[in-house]
Structure formats: structure tokens, C-alpha cells
Amino acid sequence: GGESLAQVTGRVVPILEDLGARHAEGKVAVVTHRVLV
């Protein structure tokens, strides 16, 4: 009834790629959960 690790990775990678495109430098914090970290 839940997710696999691959499914979680699949939804978080686009966020990281977008974050990298938005912020070329500086410091950015992401507050999330154990599995995602």
C-alpha cells in the first residue's frame, strides 16, 4: 500500500535538478524526512 525507495527517488530527483538550475551559488536548505535525506 506504499512506496518503494525507487519511487521516492523518482519524485525527489526532479526537485534537486530544478533546485540546481534555480540556485547556481549560495546556500539553500531543504527540510525533509529521514528516508528522503
PDB file of all heavy atoms in Angstrom:
ATOM      1  N   GLY A   1       0.793  -1.226   0.000  1.00  0.00           N
ATOM      2  CA  GLY A   1       0.000   0.000   0.000  1.00  0.00           C
ATOM      3  C   GLY A   1       0.819   1.266   0.000  1.00  0.00           C
ATOM      4  O   GLY A   1       0.269   2.368   0.069  1.00  0.00           O
ATOM      5  N   GLY A   2       2.153   1.133  -0.073  1.00  0.00           N
ATOM      6  CA  GLY A   2       3.023   2.306  -0.003  1.00  0.00           C
ATOM      7  C   GLY A   2       3.987   2.401  -1.174  1.00  0.00           C
ATOM      8  O   GLY A   2       3.708   1.900  -2.263  1.00  0.00           O
ATOM      9  N   GLU A   3       5.129   3.020  -0.915  1.00  0.00           N
ATOM     10  CA  GLU A   3       6.107   3.284  -1.965  1.00  0.00           C
ATOM     11  C   GLU A   3       7.332   2.394  -1.829  1.00  0.00           C
ATOM     12  O   GLU A   3       7.606   1.854  -0.763  1.00  0.00           O
ATOM     13  CB  GLU A   3       6.597   4.743  -1.881  1.00  0.00           C
ATOM     14  CG  GLU A   3       5.595   5.797  -2.296  1.00  0.00           C
ATOM     15  CD  GLU A   3       6.192   7.186  -2.220  1.00  0.00           C
ATOM     16  OE1 GLU A   3       6.469   7.650  -1.099  1.00  0.00           O
ATOM     17  OE2 GLU A   3       6.383   7.806  -3.277  1.00  0.00           O
ATOM     18  N   SER A   4       8.071   2.307  -2.928  1.00  0.00           N
ATOM     19  CA  SER A   4       9.410   1.723  -2.903  1.00  0.00           C
ATOM     20  C   SER A   4      10.424   2.855  -2.830  1.00  0.00           C
ATOM     21  O   SER A   4      10.105   4.022  -3.104  1.00  0.00           O
ATOM     22  CB  SER A   4       9.652   0.904  -4.168  1.00  0.00           C
ATOM     23  OG  SER A   4       9.700   1.758  -5.299  1.00  0.00           O
ATOM     24  N   LEU A   5      11.677   2.535  -2.491  1.00  0.00           N
ATOM     25  CA  LEU A   5      12.722   3.555  -2.475  1.00  0.00           C
ATOM     26  C   LEU A   5      12.920   4.154  -3.860  1.00  0.00           C
ATOM     27  O   LEU A   5      13.163   5.362  -3.993  1.00  0.00           O
ATOM     28  CB  LEU A   5      14.038   2.959  -1.959  1.00  0.00           C
ATOM     29  CG  LEU A   5      14.068   2.479  -0.507  1.00  0.00           C
ATOM     30  CD1 LEU A   5      15.490   2.050  -0.128  1.00  0.00           C
ATOM     31  CD2 LEU A   5      13.562   3.545   0.454  1.00  0.00           C
ATOM     32  N   ALA A   6      12.812   3.329  -4.889  1.00  0.00           N
ATOM     33  CA  ALA A   6      12.979   3.834  -6.257  1.00  0.00           C
ATOM     34  C   ALA A   6      11.906   4.864  -6.597  1.00  0.00           C
ATOM     35  O   ALA A   6      12.186   5.872  -7.271  1.00  0.00           O
ATOM     36  CB  ALA A   6      12.933   2.681  -7.255  1.00  0.00           C
ATOM     37  N   GLN A   7      10.687   4.638  -6.123  1.00  0.00           N
ATOM     38  CA  GLN A   7       9.608   5.604  -6.389  1.00  0.00           C
ATOM     39  C   GLN A   7       9.876   6.926  -5.677  1.00  0.00           C
ATOM     40  O   GLN A   7       9.610   7.995  -6.226  1.00  0.00           O
ATOM     41  CB  GLN A   7       8.261   5.018  -5.953  1.00  0.00           C
ATOM     42  CG  GLN A   7       7.764   3.917  -6.870  1.00  0.00           C
ATOM     43  CD  GLN A   7       6.514   3.244  -6.326  1.00  0.00           C
ATOM     44  OE1 GLN A   7       6.430   2.918  -5.131  1.00  0.00           O
ATOM     45  NE2 GLN A   7       5.535   3.023  -7.185  1.00  0.00           N
ATOM     46  N   VAL A   8      10.387   6.850  -4.448  1.00  0.00           N
ATOM     47  CA  VAL A   8      10.698   8.089  -3.727  1.00  0.00           C
ATOM     48  C   VAL A   8      11.820   8.841  -4.436  1.00  0.00           C
ATOM     49  O   VAL A   8      11.741  10.055  -4.649  1.00  0.00           O
ATOM     50  CB  VAL A   8      11.078   7.792  -2.260  1.00  0.00           C
ATOM     51  CG1 VAL A   8      11.404   9.094  -1.534  1.00  0.00           C
ATOM     52  CG2 VAL A   8       9.950   7.064  -1.548  1.00  0.00           C
ATOM     53  N   THR A   9      12.866   8.120  -4.832  1.00  0.00           N
ATOM     54  CA  THR A   9      13.955   8.753  -5.582  1.00  0.00           C
ATOM     55  C   THR A   9      13.415   9.408  -6.851  1.00  0.00           C
ATOM     56  O   THR A   9      13.801  10.533  -7.202  1.00  0.00           O
ATOM     57  CB  THR A   9      15.040   7.720  -5.951  1.00  0.00           C
ATOM     58  OG1 THR A   9      15.613   7.190  -4.749  1.00  0.00           O
ATOM     59  CG2 THR A   9      16.142   8.354  -6.776  1.00  0.00           C
ATOM     60  N   GLY A  10      12.515   8.724  -7.539  1.00  0.00           N
ATOM     61  CA  GLY A  10      11.959   9.238  -8.787  1.00  0.00           C
ATOM     62  C   GLY A  10      11.230  10.556  -8.638  1.00  0.00           C
ATOM     63  O   GLY A  10      11.236  11.384  -9.555  1.00  0.00           O
ATOM     64  N   ARG A  11      10.615  10.776  -7.461  1.00  0.00           N
ATOM     65  CA  ARG A  11       9.888  12.046  -7.298  1.00  0.00           C
ATOM     66  C   ARG A  11      10.758  13.159  -6.728  1.00  0.00           C
ATOM     67  O   ARG A  11      10.426  14.341  -6.861  1.00  0.00           O
ATOM     68  CB  ARG A  11       8.635  11.852  -6.449  1.00  0.00           C
ATOM     69  CG  ARG A  11       8.836  11.393  -5.025  1.00  0.00           C
ATOM     70  CD  ARG A  11       7.489  11.367  -4.301  1.00  0.00           C
ATOM     71  NE  ARG A  11       7.468  10.616  -3.068  1.00  0.00           N
ATOM     72  CZ  ARG A  11       7.838  11.092  -1.884  1.00  0.00           C
ATOM     73  NH1 ARG A  11       8.298  12.322  -1.788  1.00  0.00           N
ATOM     74  NH2 ARG A  11       7.744  10.329  -0.802  1.00  0.00           N
ATOM     75  N   VAL A  12      11.888  12.800  -6.080  1.00  0.00           N
ATOM     76  CA  VAL A  12      12.715  13.844  -5.474  1.00  0.00           C
ATOM     77  C   VAL A  12      13.820  14.345  -6.416  1.00  0.00           C
ATOM     78  O   VAL A  12      14.224  15.504  -6.330  1.00  0.00           O
ATOM     79  CB  VAL A  12      13.311  13.360  -4.139  1.00  0.00           C
ATOM     80  CG1 VAL A  12      14.487  12.431  -4.340  1.00  0.00           C
ATOM     81  CG2 VAL A  12      13.731  14.538  -3.278  1.00  0.00           C
ATOM     82  N   VAL A  13      14.289  13.505  -7.339  1.00  0.00           N
ATOM     83  CA  VAL A  13      15.383  13.922  -8.227  1.00  0.00           C
ATOM     84  C   VAL A  13      15.007  15.148  -9.072  1.00  0.00           C
ATOM     85  O   VAL A  13      15.812  16.083  -9.190  1.00  0.00           O
ATOM     86  CB  VAL A  13      15.848  12.748  -9.110  1.00  0.00           C
ATOM     87  CG1 VAL A  13      16.718  13.239 -10.271  1.00  0.00           C
ATOM     88  CG2 VAL A  13      16.637  11.756  -8.271  1.00  0.00           C
ATOM     89  N   PRO A  14      13.804  15.209  -9.674  1.00  0.00           N
ATOM     90  CA  PRO A  14      13.468  16.419 -10.432  1.00  0.00           C
ATOM     91  C   PRO A  14      13.504  17.690  -9.589  1.00  0.00           C
ATOM     92  O   PRO A  14      13.841  18.763 -10.095  1.00  0.00           O
ATOM     93  CB  PRO A  14      12.040  16.129 -10.942  1.00  0.00           C
ATOM     94  CG  PRO A  14      11.956  14.641 -10.986  1.00  0.00           C
ATOM     95  CD  PRO A  14      12.757  14.173  -9.817  1.00  0.00           C
ATOM     96  N   ILE A  15      13.184  17.574  -8.294  1.00  0.00           N
ATOM     97  CA  ILE A  15      13.252  18.734  -7.411  1.00  0.00           C
ATOM     98  C   ILE A  15      14.691  19.196  -7.270  1.00  0.00           C
ATOM     99  O   ILE A  15      14.997  20.391  -7.341  1.00  0.00           O
ATOM    100  CB  ILE A  15      12.672  18.395  -6.014  1.00  0.00           C
ATOM    101  CG1 ILE A  15      11.195  18.038  -6.130  1.00  0.00           C
ATOM    102  CG2 ILE A  15      12.876  19.549  -5.041  1.00  0.00           C
ATOM    103  CD1 ILE A  15      10.619  17.441  -4.860  1.00  0.00           C
ATOM    104  N   LEU A  16      15.591  18.240  -7.074  1.00  0.00           N
ATOM    105  CA  LEU A  16      17.010  18.581  -6.926  1.00  0.00           C
ATOM    106  C   LEU A  16      17.563  19.198  -8.203  1.00  0.00           C
ATOM    107  O   LEU A  16      18.345  20.153  -8.158  1.00  0.00           O
ATOM    108  CB  LEU A  16      17.808  17.334  -6.553  1.00  0.00           C
ATOM    109  CG  LEU A  16      17.442  16.680  -5.220  1.00  0.00           C
ATOM    110  CD1 LEU A  16      18.180  15.363  -5.059  1.00  0.00           C
ATOM    111  CD2 LEU A  16      17.742  17.607  -4.058  1.00  0.00           C
ATOM    112  N   GLU A  17      17.155  18.663  -9.340  1.00  0.00           N
ATOM    113  CA  GLU A  17      17.626  19.203 -10.619  1.00  0.00           C
ATOM    114  C   GLU A  17      17.105  20.622 -10.825  1.00  0.00           C
ATOM    115  O   GLU A  17      17.844  21.512 -11.271  1.00  0.00           O
ATOM    116  CB  GLU A  17      17.196  18.287 -11.764  1.00  0.00           C
ATOM    117  CG  GLU A  17      17.911  16.940 -11.735  1.00  0.00           C
ATOM    118  CD  GLU A  17      17.402  15.965 -12.771  1.00  0.00           C
ATOM    119  OE1 GLU A  17      16.222  16.084 -13.186  1.00  0.00           O
ATOM    120  OE2 GLU A  17      18.166  15.065 -13.160  1.00  0.00           O
ATOM    121  N   ASP A  18      15.849  20.848 -10.466  1.00  0.00           N
ATOM    122  CA  ASP A  18      15.275  22.189 -10.585  1.00  0.00           C
ATOM    123  C   ASP A  18      15.941  23.155  -9.613  1.00  0.00           C
ATOM    124  O   ASP A  18      16.237  24.299  -9.952  1.00  0.00           O
ATOM    125  CB  ASP A  18      13.767  22.132 -10.316  1.00  0.00           C
ATOM    126  CG  ASP A  18      13.100  23.486 -10.460  1.00  0.00           C
ATOM    127  OD1 ASP A  18      13.114  24.042 -11.578  1.00  0.00           O
ATOM    128  OD2 ASP A  18      12.600  24.008  -9.447  1.00  0.00           O
ATOM    129  N   LEU A  19      16.210  22.666  -8.399  1.00  0.00           N
ATOM    130  CA  LEU A  19      16.870  23.493  -7.397  1.00  0.00           C
ATOM    131  C   LEU A  19      18.258  23.915  -7.881  1.00  0.00           C
ATOM    132  O   LEU A  19      18.658  25.071  -7.734  1.00  0.00           O
ATOM    133  CB  LEU A  19      16.961  22.702  -6.094  1.00  0.00           C
ATOM    134  CG  LEU A  19      17.446  23.389  -4.828  1.00  0.00           C
ATOM    135  CD1 LEU A  19      16.816  22.713  -3.620  1.00  0.00           C
ATOM    136  CD2 LEU A  19      18.957  23.305  -4.724  1.00  0.00           C
ATOM    137  N   GLY A  20      18.989  22.984  -8.488  1.00  0.00           N
ATOM    138  CA  GLY A  20      20.309  23.301  -9.020  1.00  0.00           C
ATOM    139  C   GLY A  20      20.256  24.330 -10.131  1.00  0.00           C
ATOM    140  O   GLY A  20      21.152  25.176 -10.257  1.00  0.00           O
ATOM    141  N   ALA A  21      19.190  24.270 -10.934  1.00  0.00           N
ATOM    142  CA  ALA A  21      19.038  25.243 -12.021  1.00  0.00           C
ATOM    143  C   ALA A  21      18.674  26.627 -11.486  1.00  0.00           C
ATOM    144  O   ALA A  21      19.084  27.652 -12.033  1.00  0.00           O
ATOM    145  CB  ALA A  21      17.962  24.757 -12.991  1.00  0.00           C
ATOM    146  N   ARG A  22      17.922  26.673 -10.384  1.00  0.00           N
ATOM    147  CA  ARG A  22      17.495  27.950  -9.799  1.00  0.00           C
ATOM    148  C   ARG A  22      18.605  28.636  -9.010  1.00  0.00           C
ATOM    149  O   ARG A  22      18.669  29.854  -8.938  1.00  0.00           O
ATOM    150  CB  ARG A  22      16.304  27.727  -8.852  1.00  0.00           C
ATOM    151  CG  ARG A  22      14.995  27.394  -9.526  1.00  0.00           C
ATOM    152  CD  ARG A  22      13.956  27.023  -8.482  1.00  0.00           C
ATOM    153  NE  ARG A  22      12.687  26.670  -9.089  1.00  0.00           N
ATOM    154  CZ  ARG A  22      11.691  27.526  -9.265  1.00  0.00           C
ATOM    155  NH1 ARG A  22      11.827  28.778  -8.867  1.00  0.00           N
ATOM    156  NH2 ARG A  22      10.564  27.142  -9.829  1.00  0.00           N
ATOM    157  N   HIS A  23      19.440  27.826  -8.376  1.00  0.00           N
ATOM    158  CA  HIS A  23      20.450  28.368  -7.458  1.00  0.00           C
ATOM    159  C   HIS A  23      21.831  27.859  -7.860  1.00  0.00           C
ATOM    160  O   HIS A  23      22.234  26.765  -7.485  1.00  0.00           O
ATOM    161  CB  HIS A  23      20.138  27.942  -6.020  1.00  0.00           C
ATOM    162  CG  HIS A  23      18.758  28.295  -5.563  1.00  0.00           C
ATOM    163  ND1 HIS A  23      18.406  29.564  -5.157  1.00  0.00           N
ATOM    164  CD2 HIS A  23      17.628  27.536  -5.464  1.00  0.00           C
ATOM    165  CE1 HIS A  23      17.129  29.576  -4.813  1.00  0.00           C
ATOM    166  NE2 HIS A  23      16.642  28.361  -4.990  1.00  0.00           N
ATOM    167  N   ALA A  24      22.548  28.672  -8.605  1.00  0.00           N
ATOM    168  CA  ALA A  24      23.889  28.282  -9.047  1.00  0.00           C
ATOM    169  C   ALA A  24      24.917  28.444  -7.936  1.00  0.00           C
ATOM    170  O   ALA A  24      25.982  27.830  -7.964  1.00  0.00           O
ATOM    171  CB  ALA A  24      24.306  29.101 -10.267  1.00  0.00           C
ATOM    172  N   GLU A  25      24.595  29.296  -6.953  1.00  0.00           N
ATOM    173  CA  GLU A  25      25.536  29.536  -5.858  1.00  0.00           C
ATOM    174  C   GLU A  25      24.761  29.928  -4.611  1.00  0.00           C
ATOM    175  O   GLU A  25      23.530  30.058  -4.626  1.00  0.00           O
ATOM    176  CB  GLU A  25      26.522  30.643  -6.240  1.00  0.00           C
ATOM    177  CG  GLU A  25      25.862  31.950  -6.622  1.00  0.00           C
ATOM    178  CD  GLU A  25      26.860  32.978  -7.122  1.00  0.00           C
ATOM    179  OE1 GLU A  25      27.891  32.594  -7.689  1.00  0.00           O
ATOM    180  OE2 GLU A  25      26.585  34.176  -6.913  1.00  0.00           O
ATOM    181  N   GLY A  26      25.490  30.136  -3.514  1.00  0.00           N
ATOM    182  CA  GLY A  26      24.848  30.469  -2.250  1.00  0.00           C
ATOM    183  C   GLY A  26      24.490  29.217  -1.470  1.00  0.00           C
ATOM    184  O   GLY A  26      24.903  28.109  -1.803  1.00  0.00           O
ATOM    185  N   LYS A  27      23.693  29.404  -0.415  1.00  0.00           N
ATOM    186  CA  LYS A  27      23.302  28.302   0.465  1.00  0.00           C
ATOM    187  C   LYS A  27      21.786  28.111   0.415  1.00  0.00           C
ATOM    188  O   LYS A  27      21.034  29.068   0.553  1.00  0.00           O
ATOM    189  CB  LYS A  27      23.744  28.583   1.905  1.00  0.00           C
ATOM    190  CG  LYS A  27      25.253  28.679   2.063  1.00  0.00           C
ATOM    191  CD  LYS A  27      25.641  28.915   3.517  1.00  0.00           C
ATOM    192  CE  LYS A  27      27.160  29.009   3.644  1.00  0.00           C
ATOM    193  NZ  LYS A  27      27.593  29.161   5.053  1.00  0.00           N
ATOM    194  N   VAL A  28      21.381  26.870   0.240  1.00  0.00           N
ATOM    195  CA  VAL A  28      19.963  26.532   0.163  1.00  0.00           C
ATOM    196  C   VAL A  28      19.690  25.393   1.141  1.00  0.00           C
ATOM    197  O   VAL A  28      20.429  24.403   1.183  1.00  0.00           O
ATOM    198  CB  VAL A  28      19.569  26.099  -1.264  1.00  0.00           C
ATOM    199  CG1 VAL A  28      18.134  25.591  -1.299  1.00  0.00           C
ATOM    200  CG2 VAL A  28      19.746  27.257  -2.235  1.00  0.00           C
ATOM    201  N   ALA A  29      18.645  25.535   1.941  1.00  0.00           N
ATOM    202  CA  ALA A  29      18.260  24.498   2.902  1.00  0.00           C
ATOM    203  C   ALA A  29      17.048  23.727   2.399  1.00  0.00           C
ATOM    204  O   ALA A  29      16.118  24.319   1.837  1.00  0.00           O
ATOM    205  CB  ALA A  29      17.958  25.105   4.267  1.00  0.00           C
ATOM    206  N   VAL A  30      17.070  22.422   2.604  1.00  0.00           N
ATOM    207  CA  VAL A  30      15.938  21.557   2.290  1.00  0.00           C
ATOM    208  C   VAL A  30      15.568  20.809   3.564  1.00  0.00           C
ATOM    209  O   VAL A  30      16.382  20.057   4.108  1.00  0.00           O
ATOM    210  CB  VAL A  30      16.283  20.559   1.163  1.00  0.00           C
ATOM    211  CG1 VAL A  30      15.154  19.540   0.987  1.00  0.00           C
ATOM    212  CG2 VAL A  30      16.537  21.295  -0.149  1.00  0.00           C
ATOM    213  N   VAL A  31      14.373  21.044   4.070  1.00  0.00           N
ATOM    214  CA  VAL A  31      13.911  20.419   5.311  1.00  0.00           C
ATOM    215  C   VAL A  31      12.960  19.286   4.948  1.00  0.00           C
ATOM    216  O   VAL A  31      11.898  19.517   4.366  1.00  0.00           O
ATOM    217  CB  VAL A  31      13.212  21.439   6.228  1.00  0.00           C
ATOM    218  CG1 VAL A  31      12.801  20.769   7.542  1.00  0.00           C
ATOM    219  CG2 VAL A  31      14.118  22.633   6.499  1.00  0.00           C
ATOM    220  N   THR A  32      13.353  18.071   5.279  1.00  0.00           N
ATOM    221  CA  THR A  32      12.550  16.928   4.852  1.00  0.00           C
ATOM    222  C   THR A  32      12.679  15.789   5.857  1.00  0.00           C
ATOM    223  O   THR A  32      12.823  16.042   7.057  1.00  0.00           O
ATOM    224  CB  THR A  32      12.928  16.535   3.405  1.00  0.00           C
ATOM    225  OG1 THR A  32      12.060  15.502   2.946  1.00  0.00           O
ATOM    226  CG2 THR A  32      14.363  16.125   3.257  1.00  0.00           C
ATOM    227  N   HIS A  33      12.638  14.539   5.397  1.00  0.00           N
ATOM    228  CA  HIS A  33      12.482  13.377   6.272  1.00  0.00           C
ATOM    229  C   HIS A  33      13.653  12.406   6.122  1.00  0.00           C
ATOM    230  O   HIS A  33      14.419  12.478   5.162  1.00  0.00           O
ATOM    231  CB  HIS A  33      11.162  12.682   5.939  1.00  0.00           C
ATOM    232  CG  HIS A  33       9.986  13.608   5.966  1.00  0.00           C
ATOM    233  ND1 HIS A  33       9.242  13.837   7.100  1.00  0.00           N
ATOM    234  CD2 HIS A  33       9.461  14.410   5.008  1.00  0.00           C
ATOM    235  CE1 HIS A  33       8.290  14.721   6.840  1.00  0.00           C
ATOM    236  NE2 HIS A  33       8.405  15.089   5.573  1.00  0.00           N
ATOM    237  N   ARG A  34      13.736  11.486   7.072  1.00  0.00           N
ATOM    238  CA  ARG A  34      14.854  10.542   7.116  1.00  0.00           C
ATOM    239  C   ARG A  34      15.072   9.819   5.791  1.00  0.00           C
ATOM    240  O   ARG A  34      16.182   9.809   5.244  1.00  0.00           O
ATOM    241  CB  ARG A  34      14.612   9.504   8.217  1.00  0.00           C
ATOM    242  CG  ARG A  34      15.680   8.421   8.286  1.00  0.00           C
ATOM    243  CD  ARG A  34      15.375   7.375   9.339  1.00  0.00           C
ATOM    244  NE  ARG A  34      14.263   6.520   8.970  1.00  0.00           N
ATOM    245  CZ  ARG A  34      14.118   5.255   9.387  1.00  0.00           C
ATOM    246  NH1 ARG A  34      15.012   4.730  10.206  1.00  0.00           N
ATOM    247  NH2 ARG A  34      13.085   4.538   9.027  1.00  0.00           N
ATOM    248  N   VAL A  35      14.017   9.203   5.262  1.00  0.00           N
ATOM    249  CA  VAL A  35      14.154   8.427   4.026  1.00  0.00           C
ATOM    250  C   VAL A  35      14.638   9.309   2.887  1.00  0.00           C
ATOM    251  O   VAL A  35      15.533   8.929   2.120  1.00  0.00           O
ATOM    252  CB  VAL A  35      12.814   7.744   3.666  1.00  0.00           C
ATOM    253  CG1 VAL A  35      12.862   7.175   2.250  1.00  0.00           C
ATOM    254  CG2 VAL A  35      12.497   6.631   4.649  1.00  0.00           C
ATOM    255  N   LEU A  36      14.068  10.504   2.769  1.00  0.00           N
ATOM    256  CA  LEU A  36      14.453  11.372   1.660  1.00  0.00           C
ATOM    257  C   LEU A  36      15.887  11.847   1.779  1.00  0.00           C
ATOM    258  O   LEU A  36      16.610  11.904   0.780  1.00  0.00           O
ATOM    259  CB  LEU A  36      13.486  12.559   1.539  1.00  0.00           C
ATOM    260  CG  LEU A  36      12.237  12.224   0.710  1.00  0.00           C
ATOM    261  CD1 LEU A  36      11.224  11.465   1.537  1.00  0.00           C
ATOM    262  CD2 LEU A  36      11.615  13.471   0.110  1.00  0.00           C
ATOM    263  N   VAL A  37      16.326  12.182   2.996  1.00  0.00           N
ATOM    264  CA  VAL A  37      17.722  12.607   3.161  1.00  0.00           C
ATOM    265  C   VAL A  37      18.659  11.474   2.757  1.00  0.00           C
ATOM    266  O   VAL A  37      19.633  11.678   2.024  1.00  0.00           O
ATOM    267  CB  VAL A  37      18.001  13.074   4.598  1.00  0.00           C
ATOM    268  CG1 VAL A  37      19.495  13.340   4.784  1.00  0.00           C
ATOM    269  CG2 VAL A  37      17.190  14.323   4.933  1.00  0.00           C
TER     270      VAL A  37
END
